[in-house]
Amino acid sequence: MKVVELHPRELTMTDPYSPKAIWGRELRHLREAAGLTQTQLAALINFAPSLISGIENGHVPAVPEFAEACDQALNTGGTLIRGLDYRKSKAERYPPWFGEWPIIETKATVLRSFQLAVIDGLLQTVAYASNLLGHNEDAVAGRIERQHVLTREEPPPPKLRFVMDEGVLHRPVGDAKVMYEQLIHVAEAVETSPRVSVQVLPYGVHTGLPGSFVIASLGAGNGEVAYVETALRGEISRSPEALEDLTDVWESIRTDALSERDSLELIRRTAEERWT
């Protein structure tokens, strides 16, 4: 079976008149009026130049943390943070409680992800994400755009360490073609990038059963932040106690998981035997 490679640009084009794109153009105007390049502004606010480019071009939504940093660096008197009122619109790509996490992903040096039910969003294909998100094109585009963090050149992409419960391989999200392409996509992501690793946690009782989570390490002296999924919503935590507990869970499940070689073999075998 031929695997169809899916790219974010094939999903949707950016609407130049969307609130997100208009906000991005305003940022560009204010930055240029201050005589700064994207790289110079990035150095002032401690965000990647690629993120600034994505926001100015309307590809990536800004969040309050980013807007406040730009307001301060550009001395705008709060213009940009006030402009984010558009995020209250129902068309916003991320729920309010999730909006900070894509920014955290761009600043992370390592992302340790455990997924109990589905493939991690950073490794999802367009078709798989679309089935998960009820074919909401705006929400799907937001999810796929987050994956740019894994292919950027500067700063280097974060290392993604991904453990998933074996049930993820068998849970139908869409039809067999969607599942086959998704599992092959995961395997190829590992085989083509030394910064991505995947392990499968075999069926059974394990310490990860309470739910999925991601731990983001933010680099030298910047600590860690966790994203934890619950039945009602996701939660972002900087609590040292919570991070310590999650790290203990992570070490336990990764120890119990199959090796990367055995995991890749299982993923490809499941794709061929279960989804063709």
C-alpha atoms as a PDB file:
ATOM      1  CA  MET A   1       0.000   0.000   0.000  1.00  0.00           C
ATOM      2  CA  LYS A   2       1.345   3.417  -0.930  1.00  0.00           C
ATOM      3  CA  VAL A   3       1.569   5.864   1.966  1.00  0.00           C
ATOM      4  CA  VAL A   4       0.264   9.346   1.174  1.00  0.00           C
ATOM      5  CA  GLU A   5       2.367  12.044   2.797  1.00  0.00           C
ATOM      6  CA  LEU A   6       0.251  14.855   4.201  1.00  0.00           C
ATOM      7  CA  HIS A   7       1.512  18.383   4.696  1.00  0.00           C
ATOM      8  CA  PRO A   8      -0.039  21.240   6.671  1.00  0.00           C
ATOM      9  CA  ARG A   9      -0.154  23.445   3.576  1.00  0.00           C
ATOM     10  CA  GLU A  10      -2.458  20.940   1.919  1.00  0.00           C
ATOM     11  CA  LEU A  11      -5.058  21.445   4.621  1.00  0.00           C
ATOM     12  CA  THR A  12      -5.920  25.102   4.416  1.00  0.00           C
ATOM     13  CA  MET A  13      -4.646  28.484   3.322  1.00  0.00           C
ATOM     14  CA  THR A  14      -4.402  31.300   5.825  1.00  0.00           C
ATOM     15  CA  ASP A  15      -7.239  33.794   5.538  1.00  0.00           C
ATOM     16  CA  PRO A  16      -5.519  37.215   5.275  1.00  0.00           C
ATOM     17  CA  TYR A  17      -8.557  38.846   6.872  1.00  0.00           C
ATOM     18  CA  SER A  18      -8.890  36.510   9.821  1.00  0.00           C
ATOM     19  CA  PRO A  19      -8.463  38.163  13.244  1.00  0.00           C
ATOM     20  CA  LYS A  20      -5.274  36.167  13.739  1.00  0.00           C
ATOM     21  CA  ALA A  21      -3.760  37.415  10.464  1.00  0.00           C
ATOM     22  CA  ILE A  22      -4.783  41.017  11.135  1.00  0.00           C
ATOM     23  CA  TRP A  23      -3.189  40.843  14.595  1.00  0.00           C
ATOM     24  CA  GLY A  24      -0.023  39.465  13.014  1.00  0.00           C
ATOM     25  CA  ARG A  25       0.174  42.353  10.551  1.00  0.00           C
ATOM     26  CA  GLU A  26      -0.226  44.820  13.408  1.00  0.00           C
ATOM     27  CA  LEU A  27       2.682  43.176  15.187  1.00  0.00           C
ATOM     28  CA  ARG A  28       4.797  43.464  12.043  1.00  0.00           C
ATOM     29  CA  HIS A  29       3.911  47.160  11.694  1.00  0.00           C
ATOM     30  CA  LEU A  30       4.851  47.902  15.291  1.00  0.00           C
ATOM     31  CA  ARG A  31       8.063  45.898  15.062  1.00  0.00           C
ATOM     32  CA  GLU A  32       9.187  47.617  11.886  1.00  0.00           C
ATOM     33  CA  ALA A  33       8.237  51.028  13.305  1.00  0.00           C
ATOM     34  CA  ALA A  34      10.585  50.244  16.190  1.00  0.00           C
ATOM     35  CA  GLY A  35      13.357  49.458  13.707  1.00  0.00           C
ATOM     36  CA  LEU A  36      13.690  45.818  14.760  1.00  0.00           C
ATOM     37  CA  THR A  37      14.123  42.669  12.706  1.00  0.00           C
ATOM     38  CA  GLN A  38      12.332  39.489  13.728  1.00  0.00           C
ATOM     39  CA  THR A  39      15.619  38.132  15.053  1.00  0.00           C
ATOM     40  CA  GLN A  40      16.248  41.247  17.133  1.00  0.00           C
ATOM     41  CA  LEU A  41      12.745  41.163  18.610  1.00  0.00           C
ATOM     42  CA  ALA A  42      13.134  37.449  19.331  1.00  0.00           C
ATOM     43  CA  ALA A  43      16.255  38.160  21.361  1.00  0.00           C
ATOM     44  CA  LEU A  44      14.409  40.772  23.406  1.00  0.00           C
ATOM     45  CA  ILE A  45      11.385  38.640  24.253  1.00  0.00           C
ATOM     46  CA  ASN A  46      13.057  35.196  24.424  1.00  0.00           C
ATOM     47  CA  PHE A  47      10.881  33.617  21.734  1.00  0.00           C
ATOM     48  CA  ALA A  48      12.056  31.979  18.508  1.00  0.00           C
ATOM     49  CA  PRO A  49      12.279  34.093  15.303  1.00  0.00           C
ATOM     50  CA  SER A  50      10.358  31.332  13.519  1.00  0.00           C
ATOM     51  CA  LEU A  51       7.464  31.808  15.934  1.00  0.00           C
ATOM     52  CA  ILE A  52       7.405  35.570  15.305  1.00  0.00           C
ATOM     53  CA  SER A  53       7.423  34.897  11.562  1.00  0.00           C
ATOM     54  CA  GLY A  54       4.548  32.435  11.875  1.00  0.00           C
ATOM     55  CA  ILE A  55       2.480  34.860  13.931  1.00  0.00           C
ATOM     56  CA  GLU A  56       3.150  37.826  11.644  1.00  0.00           C
ATOM     57  CA  ASN A  57       2.179  35.744   8.616  1.00  0.00           C
ATOM     58  CA  GLY A  58      -1.046  34.651  10.264  1.00  0.00           C
ATOM     59  CA  HIS A  59      -0.094  30.972  10.453  1.00  0.00           C
ATOM     60  CA  VAL A  60       0.210  30.726  14.242  1.00  0.00           C
ATOM     61  CA  PRO A  61      -2.068  32.321  16.874  1.00  0.00           C
ATOM     62  CA  ALA A  62      -0.496  34.538  19.534  1.00  0.00           C
ATOM     63  CA  VAL A  63      -1.213  34.047  23.233  1.00  0.00           C
ATOM     64  CA  PRO A  64      -1.159  36.611  26.080  1.00  0.00           C
ATOM     65  CA  GLU A  65       2.346  35.730  27.289  1.00  0.00           C
ATOM     66  CA  PHE A  66       3.729  36.480  23.834  1.00  0.00           C
ATOM     67  CA  ALA A  67       1.651  39.651  23.357  1.00  0.00           C
ATOM     68  CA  GLU A  68       2.673  41.070  26.729  1.00  0.00           C
ATOM     69  CA  ALA A  69       6.354  40.453  25.975  1.00  0.00           C
ATOM     70  CA  CYS A  70       6.021  42.228  22.626  1.00  0.00           C
ATOM     71  CA  ASP A  71       4.137  45.152  24.186  1.00  0.00           C
ATOM     72  CA  GLN A  72       6.939  45.621  26.675  1.00  0.00           C
ATOM     73  CA  ALA A  73       9.748  45.298  24.115  1.00  0.00           C
ATOM     74  CA  LEU A  74       8.059  47.591  21.600  1.00  0.00           C
ATOM     75  CA  ASN A  75       6.689  50.059  24.184  1.00  0.00           C
ATOM     76  CA  THR A  76       3.193  49.924  22.705  1.00  0.00           C
ATOM     77  CA  GLY A  77       1.228  50.756  25.844  1.00  0.00           C
ATOM     78  CA  GLY A  78      -0.654  47.451  25.797  1.00  0.00           C
ATOM     79  CA  THR A  79      -1.894  47.650  22.198  1.00  0.00           C
ATOM     80  CA  LEU A  80      -1.094  44.043  21.384  1.00  0.00           C
ATOM     81  CA  ILE A  81      -2.542  42.452  24.508  1.00  0.00           C
ATOM     82  CA  ARG A  82      -5.758  44.403  24.014  1.00  0.00           C
ATOM     83  CA  GLY A  83      -5.838  43.211  20.423  1.00  0.00           C
ATOM     84  CA  LEU A  84      -6.063  39.631  21.602  1.00  0.00           C
ATOM     85  CA  ASP A  85      -9.687  40.165  22.557  1.00  0.00           C
ATOM     86  CA  TYR A  86     -10.443  38.422  19.271  1.00  0.00           C
ATOM     87  CA  ARG A  87      -9.444  35.183  20.989  1.00  0.00           C
ATOM     88  CA  LYS A  88     -12.783  35.237  22.782  1.00  0.00           C
ATOM     89  CA  SER A  89     -14.340  34.343  19.426  1.00  0.00           C
ATOM     90  CA  LYS A  90     -15.723  30.836  18.994  1.00  0.00           C
ATOM     91  CA  ALA A  91     -13.455  30.527  15.958  1.00  0.00           C
ATOM     92  CA  GLU A  92     -10.332  30.446  18.112  1.00  0.00           C
ATOM     93  CA  ARG A  93      -8.317  27.357  17.309  1.00  0.00           C
ATOM     94  CA  TYR A  94      -7.390  26.483  20.866  1.00  0.00           C
ATOM     95  CA  PRO A  95      -9.550  26.332  24.004  1.00  0.00           C
ATOM     96  CA  PRO A  96      -8.637  29.104  26.490  1.00  0.00           C
ATOM     97  CA  TRP A  97      -7.044  26.642  28.892  1.00  0.00           C
ATOM     98  CA  PHE A  98      -4.833  25.207  26.119  1.00  0.00           C
ATOM     99  CA  GLY A  99      -3.727  28.453  24.473  1.00  0.00           C
ATOM    100  CA  GLU A 100      -0.484  28.785  26.430  1.00  0.00           C
ATOM    101  CA  TRP A 101       0.730  25.269  25.671  1.00  0.00           C
ATOM    102  CA  PRO A 102       1.706  25.809  21.990  1.00  0.00           C
ATOM    103  CA  ILE A 103       3.949  28.660  23.175  1.00  0.00           C
ATOM    104  CA  ILE A 104       5.501  26.392  25.806  1.00  0.00           C
ATOM    105  CA  GLU A 105       6.163  23.800  23.089  1.00  0.00           C
ATOM    106  CA  THR A 106       8.118  26.367  21.071  1.00  0.00           C
ATOM    107  CA  LYS A 107      10.345  27.130  24.080  1.00  0.00           C
ATOM    108  CA  ALA A 108      10.908  23.516  25.154  1.00  0.00           C
ATOM    109  CA  THR A 109      14.180  21.690  24.627  1.00  0.00           C
ATOM    110  CA  VAL A 110      12.667  18.302  25.518  1.00  0.00           C
ATOM    111  CA  LEU A 111       9.041  17.115  25.459  1.00  0.00           C
ATOM    112  CA  ARG A 112       8.277  13.881  27.310  1.00  0.00           C
ATOM    113  CA  SER A 113       4.818  12.727  26.299  1.00  0.00           C
ATOM    114  CA  PHE A 114       2.731   9.824  27.558  1.00  0.00           C
ATOM    115  CA  GLN A 115      -0.491   9.151  25.652  1.00  0.00           C
ATOM    116  CA  LEU A 116      -3.042   6.697  26.959  1.00  0.00           C
ATOM    117  CA  ALA A 117      -5.726   6.953  24.258  1.00  0.00           C
ATOM    118  CA  VAL A 118      -4.487   8.598  21.041  1.00  0.00           C
ATOM    119  CA  ILE A 119      -1.356   9.564  19.109  1.00  0.00           C
ATOM    120  CA  ASP A 120       0.382  12.696  20.416  1.00  0.00           C
ATOM    121  CA  GLY A 121      -0.807  15.812  18.573  1.00  0.00           C
ATOM    122  CA  LEU A 122       2.715  16.592  17.359  1.00  0.00           C
ATOM    123  CA  LEU A 123       2.777  13.291  15.449  1.00  0.00           C
ATOM    124  CA  GLN A 124      -0.785  13.216  14.105  1.00  0.00           C
ATOM    125  CA  THR A 125      -1.574  13.205  10.394  1.00  0.00           C
ATOM    126  CA  VAL A 126      -4.149  15.631   9.061  1.00  0.00           C
ATOM    127  CA  ALA A 127      -6.688  12.846   8.497  1.00  0.00           C
ATOM    128  CA  TYR A 128      -6.260  11.387  11.997  1.00  0.00           C
ATOM    129  CA  ALA A 129      -6.533  14.821  13.628  1.00  0.00           C
ATOM    130  CA  SER A 130      -9.592  15.638  11.533  1.00  0.00           C
ATOM    131  CA  ASN A 131     -11.424  12.547  12.761  1.00  0.00           C
ATOM    132  CA  LEU A 132     -10.499  13.312  16.363  1.00  0.00           C
ATOM    133  CA  LEU A 133     -11.636  16.935  16.110  1.00  0.00           C
ATOM    134  CA  GLY A 134     -14.944  16.332  14.374  1.00  0.00           C
ATOM    135  CA  HIS A 135     -13.648  17.580  11.005  1.00  0.00           C
ATOM    136  CA  ASN A 136     -13.370  21.133  12.363  1.00  0.00           C
ATOM    137  CA  GLU A 137     -10.917  22.555   9.816  1.00  0.00           C
ATOM    138  CA  ASP A 138      -9.894  25.495  11.971  1.00  0.00           C
ATOM    139  CA  ALA A 139      -9.115  23.272  14.959  1.00  0.00           C
ATOM    140  CA  VAL A 140      -7.266  20.782  12.770  1.00  0.00           C
ATOM    141  CA  ALA A 141      -5.162  23.544  11.231  1.00  0.00           C
ATOM    142  CA  GLY A 142      -4.230  24.746  14.704  1.00  0.00           C
ATOM    143  CA  ARG A 143      -3.090  21.270  15.683  1.00  0.00           C
ATOM    144  CA  ILE A 144      -1.059  20.691  12.540  1.00  0.00           C
ATOM    145  CA  GLU A 145       0.584  24.107  12.790  1.00  0.00           C
ATOM    146  CA  ARG A 146       1.988  23.111  16.173  1.00  0.00           C
ATOM    147  CA  GLN A 147       4.041  20.458  14.389  1.00  0.00           C
ATOM    148  CA  HIS A 148       6.218  23.157  12.800  1.00  0.00           C
ATOM    149  CA  VAL A 149       8.194  23.139  16.046  1.00  0.00           C
ATOM    150  CA  LEU A 150       9.621  19.724  15.078  1.00  0.00           C
ATOM    151  CA  THR A 151      10.965  20.896  11.707  1.00  0.00           C
ATOM    152  CA  ARG A 152      12.274  24.374  12.465  1.00  0.00           C
ATOM    153  CA  GLU A 153      15.951  25.106  11.967  1.00  0.00           C
ATOM    154  CA  GLU A 154      16.644  27.752  14.616  1.00  0.00           C
ATOM    155  CA  PRO A 155      16.579  27.153  17.491  1.00  0.00           C
ATOM    156  CA  PRO A 156      16.901  23.378  17.077  1.00  0.00           C
ATOM    157  CA  PRO A 157      13.630  21.459  17.443  1.00  0.00           C
ATOM    158  CA  PRO A 158      12.865  20.034  20.871  1.00  0.00           C
ATOM    159  CA  LYS A 159      13.567  16.374  21.473  1.00  0.00           C
ATOM    160  CA  LEU A 160      10.284  14.451  21.555  1.00  0.00           C
ATOM    161  CA  ARG A 161      10.251  11.408  23.809  1.00  0.00           C
ATOM    162  CA  PHE A 162       6.905   9.684  23.280  1.00  0.00           C
ATOM    163  CA  VAL A 163       5.447   6.673  25.112  1.00  0.00           C
ATOM    164  CA  MET A 164       1.994   5.385  24.188  1.00  0.00           C
ATOM    165  CA  ASP A 165      -0.215   2.653  25.522  1.00  0.00           C
ATOM    166  CA  GLU A 166      -0.520  -0.283  23.130  1.00  0.00           C
ATOM    167  CA  GLY A 167      -4.249   0.354  22.892  1.00  0.00           C
ATOM    168  CA  VAL A 168      -3.535   3.484  20.849  1.00  0.00           C
ATOM    169  CA  LEU A 169      -2.410   1.241  17.969  1.00  0.00           C
ATOM    170  CA  HIS A 170      -5.765  -0.536  17.873  1.00  0.00           C
ATOM    171  CA  ARG A 171      -8.224   2.262  18.624  1.00  0.00           C
ATOM    172  CA  PRO A 172      -9.980   3.167  15.329  1.00  0.00           C
ATOM    173  CA  VAL A 173      -9.817   6.887  14.620  1.00  0.00           C
ATOM    174  CA  GLY A 174     -11.325   7.094  11.161  1.00  0.00           C
ATOM    175  CA  ASP A 175     -11.151   4.180   8.748  1.00  0.00           C
ATOM    176  CA  ALA A 176      -8.421   1.610   8.198  1.00  0.00           C
ATOM    177  CA  LYS A 177      -6.595   3.812   5.683  1.00  0.00           C
ATOM    178  CA  VAL A 178      -6.392   6.666   8.203  1.00  0.00           C
ATOM    179  CA  MET A 179      -5.027   4.333  10.868  1.00  0.00           C
ATOM    180  CA  TYR A 180      -2.523   2.659   8.547  1.00  0.00           C
ATOM    181  CA  GLU A 181      -1.118   5.982   7.374  1.00  0.00           C
ATOM    182  CA  GLN A 182      -1.020   7.317  10.928  1.00  0.00           C
ATOM    183  CA  LEU A 183       0.979   4.396  12.304  1.00  0.00           C
ATOM    184  CA  ILE A 184       3.391   4.466   9.374  1.00  0.00           C
ATOM    185  CA  HIS A 185       3.772   8.220   9.866  1.00  0.00           C
ATOM    186  CA  VAL A 186       4.802   7.659  13.488  1.00  0.00           C
ATOM    187  CA  ALA A 187       7.320   4.987  12.513  1.00  0.00           C
ATOM    188  CA  GLU A 188       8.820   7.153   9.789  1.00  0.00           C
ATOM    189  CA  ALA A 189       9.056  10.144  12.109  1.00  0.00           C
ATOM    190  CA  VAL A 190      11.268   8.099  14.412  1.00  0.00           C
ATOM    191  CA  GLU A 191      13.323   6.572  11.616  1.00  0.00           C
ATOM    192  CA  THR A 192      14.036   9.914   9.937  1.00  0.00           C
ATOM    193  CA  SER A 193      14.654  12.130  12.956  1.00  0.00           C
ATOM    194  CA  PRO A 194      17.132  11.423  15.753  1.00  0.00           C
ATOM    195  CA  ARG A 195      15.213  13.942  17.874  1.00  0.00           C
ATOM    196  CA  VAL A 196      12.045  11.801  17.957  1.00  0.00           C
ATOM    197  CA  SER A 197      11.725   8.533  19.861  1.00  0.00           C
ATOM    198  CA  VAL A 198       8.648   6.374  20.429  1.00  0.00           C
ATOM    199  CA  GLN A 199       8.059   3.468  22.777  1.00  0.00           C
ATOM    200  CA  VAL A 200       4.957   1.329  23.199  1.00  0.00           C
ATOM    201  CA  LEU A 201       3.753   0.347  26.667  1.00  0.00           C
ATOM    202  CA  PRO A 202       2.242  -3.172  26.462  1.00  0.00           C
ATOM    203  CA  TYR A 203      -1.330  -3.892  27.519  1.00  0.00           C
ATOM    204  CA  GLY A 204      -1.809  -4.232  31.234  1.00  0.00           C
ATOM    205  CA  VAL A 205      -2.023  -2.337  34.499  1.00  0.00           C
ATOM    206  CA  HIS A 206       0.557   0.429  34.756  1.00  0.00           C
ATOM    207  CA  THR A 207       1.093   3.753  36.515  1.00  0.00           C
ATOM    208  CA  GLY A 208      -0.026   5.724  33.450  1.00  0.00           C
ATOM    209  CA  LEU A 209      -3.645   4.540  33.592  1.00  0.00           C
ATOM    210  CA  PRO A 210      -4.917   7.751  35.297  1.00  0.00           C
ATOM    211  CA  GLY A 211      -4.335   9.711  32.092  1.00  0.00           C
ATOM    212  CA  SER A 212      -2.137  11.340  29.467  1.00  0.00           C
ATOM    213  CA  PHE A 213       0.413  14.047  30.182  1.00  0.00           C
ATOM    214  CA  VAL A 214       3.384  15.915  28.711  1.00  0.00           C
ATOM    215  CA  ILE A 215       6.389  17.330  30.559  1.00  0.00           C
ATOM    216  CA  ALA A 216       8.179  20.214  28.828  1.00  0.00           C
ATOM    217  CA  SER A 217      11.767  20.941  29.844  1.00  0.00           C
ATOM    218  CA  LEU A 218      12.517  24.580  29.059  1.00  0.00           C
ATOM    219  CA  GLY A 219      16.304  24.459  29.051  1.00  0.00           C
ATOM    220  CA  ALA A 220      19.084  25.857  31.207  1.00  0.00           C
ATOM    221  CA  GLY A 221      17.671  27.107  34.466  1.00  0.00           C
ATOM    222  CA  ASN A 222      14.133  27.591  33.144  1.00  0.00           C
ATOM    223  CA  GLY A 223      12.575  24.572  34.807  1.00  0.00           C
ATOM    224  CA  GLU A 224       9.720  22.410  33.588  1.00  0.00           C
ATOM    225  CA  VAL A 225       6.007  22.752  32.849  1.00  0.00           C
ATOM    226  CA  ALA A 226       3.453  19.945  32.585  1.00  0.00           C
ATOM    227  CA  TYR A 227       0.261  19.548  30.600  1.00  0.00           C
ATOM    228  CA  VAL A 228      -2.142  17.018  32.114  1.00  0.00           C
ATOM    229  CA  GLU A 229      -5.381  15.840  30.541  1.00  0.00           C
ATOM    230  CA  THR A 230      -8.501  15.345  32.657  1.00  0.00           C
ATOM    231  CA  ALA A 231     -12.045  14.260  31.825  1.00  0.00           C
ATOM    232  CA  LEU A 232     -13.185  17.898  31.609  1.00  0.00           C
ATOM    233  CA  ARG A 233     -10.191  19.819  30.285  1.00  0.00           C
ATOM    234  CA  GLY A 234      -6.441  19.975  30.144  1.00  0.00           C
ATOM    235  CA  GLU A 235      -4.437  21.644  32.885  1.00  0.00           C
ATOM    236  CA  ILE A 236      -1.050  23.345  32.757  1.00  0.00           C
ATOM    237  CA  SER A 237       0.969  22.963  35.942  1.00  0.00           C
ATOM    238  CA  ARG A 238       4.226  24.433  37.211  1.00  0.00           C
ATOM    239  CA  SER A 239       3.846  22.915  40.672  1.00  0.00           C
ATOM    240  CA  PRO A 240       7.132  21.308  41.800  1.00  0.00           C
ATOM    241  CA  GLU A 241       5.162  18.601  43.614  1.00  0.00           C
ATOM    242  CA  ALA A 242       3.086  17.763  40.539  1.00  0.00           C
ATOM    243  CA  LEU A 243       6.155  17.726  38.308  1.00  0.00           C
ATOM    244  CA  GLU A 244       7.968  15.424  40.696  1.00  0.00           C
ATOM    245  CA  ASP A 245       5.018  13.008  40.737  1.00  0.00           C
ATOM    246  CA  LEU A 246       4.684  13.061  36.947  1.00  0.00           C
ATOM    247  CA  THR A 247       8.403  12.476  36.519  1.00  0.00           C
ATOM    248  CA  ASP A 248       8.113   9.394  38.741  1.00  0.00           C
ATOM    249  CA  VAL A 249       5.226   8.131  36.602  1.00  0.00           C
ATOM    250  CA  TRP A 250       7.192   8.857  33.420  1.00  0.00           C
ATOM    251  CA  GLU A 251      10.223   6.913  34.622  1.00  0.00           C
ATOM    252  CA  SER A 252       8.013   3.989  35.586  1.00  0.00           C
ATOM    253  CA  ILE A 253       6.147   3.732  32.280  1.00  0.00           C
ATOM    254  CA  ARG A 254       9.256   4.245  30.173  1.00  0.00           C
ATOM    255  CA  THR A 255      11.023   1.483  32.081  1.00  0.00           C
ATOM    256  CA  ASP A 256       8.092  -0.871  31.454  1.00  0.00           C
ATOM    257  CA  ALA A 257       7.753   0.088  27.773  1.00  0.00           C
ATOM    258  CA  LEU A 258       9.218  -1.885  24.897  1.00  0.00           C
ATOM    259  CA  SER A 259      12.542  -0.779  23.470  1.00  0.00           C
ATOM    260  CA  GLU A 260      12.383   1.629  20.545  1.00  0.00           C
ATOM    261  CA  ARG A 261      13.372  -1.113  18.090  1.00  0.00           C
ATOM    262  CA  ASP A 262      10.705  -3.506  19.383  1.00  0.00           C
ATOM    263  CA  SER A 263       8.170  -0.655  19.484  1.00  0.00           C
ATOM    264  CA  LEU A 264       8.773   0.256  15.838  1.00  0.00           C
ATOM    265  CA  GLU A 265       8.470  -3.378  14.853  1.00  0.00           C
ATOM    266  CA  LEU A 266       5.149  -3.623  16.712  1.00  0.00           C
ATOM    267  CA  ILE A 267       3.835  -0.380  15.189  1.00  0.00           C
ATOM    268  CA  ARG A 268       4.622  -1.488  11.633  1.00  0.00           C
ATOM    269  CA  ARG A 269       3.315  -5.005  12.231  1.00  0.00           C
ATOM    270  CA  THR A 270       0.060  -3.644  13.666  1.00  0.00           C
ATOM    271  CA  ALA A 271      -0.324  -1.302  10.670  1.00  0.00           C
ATOM    272  CA  GLU A 272       0.018  -4.224   8.256  1.00  0.00           C
ATOM    273  CA  GLU A 273      -1.941  -6.869  10.145  1.00  0.00           C
ATOM    274  CA  ARG A 274      -4.668  -4.776  11.776  1.00  0.00           C
ATOM    275  CA  TRP A 275      -5.226  -1.918   9.316  1.00  0.00           C
ATOM    276  CA  THR A 276      -4.792  -3.404   5.812  1.00  0.00           C
END
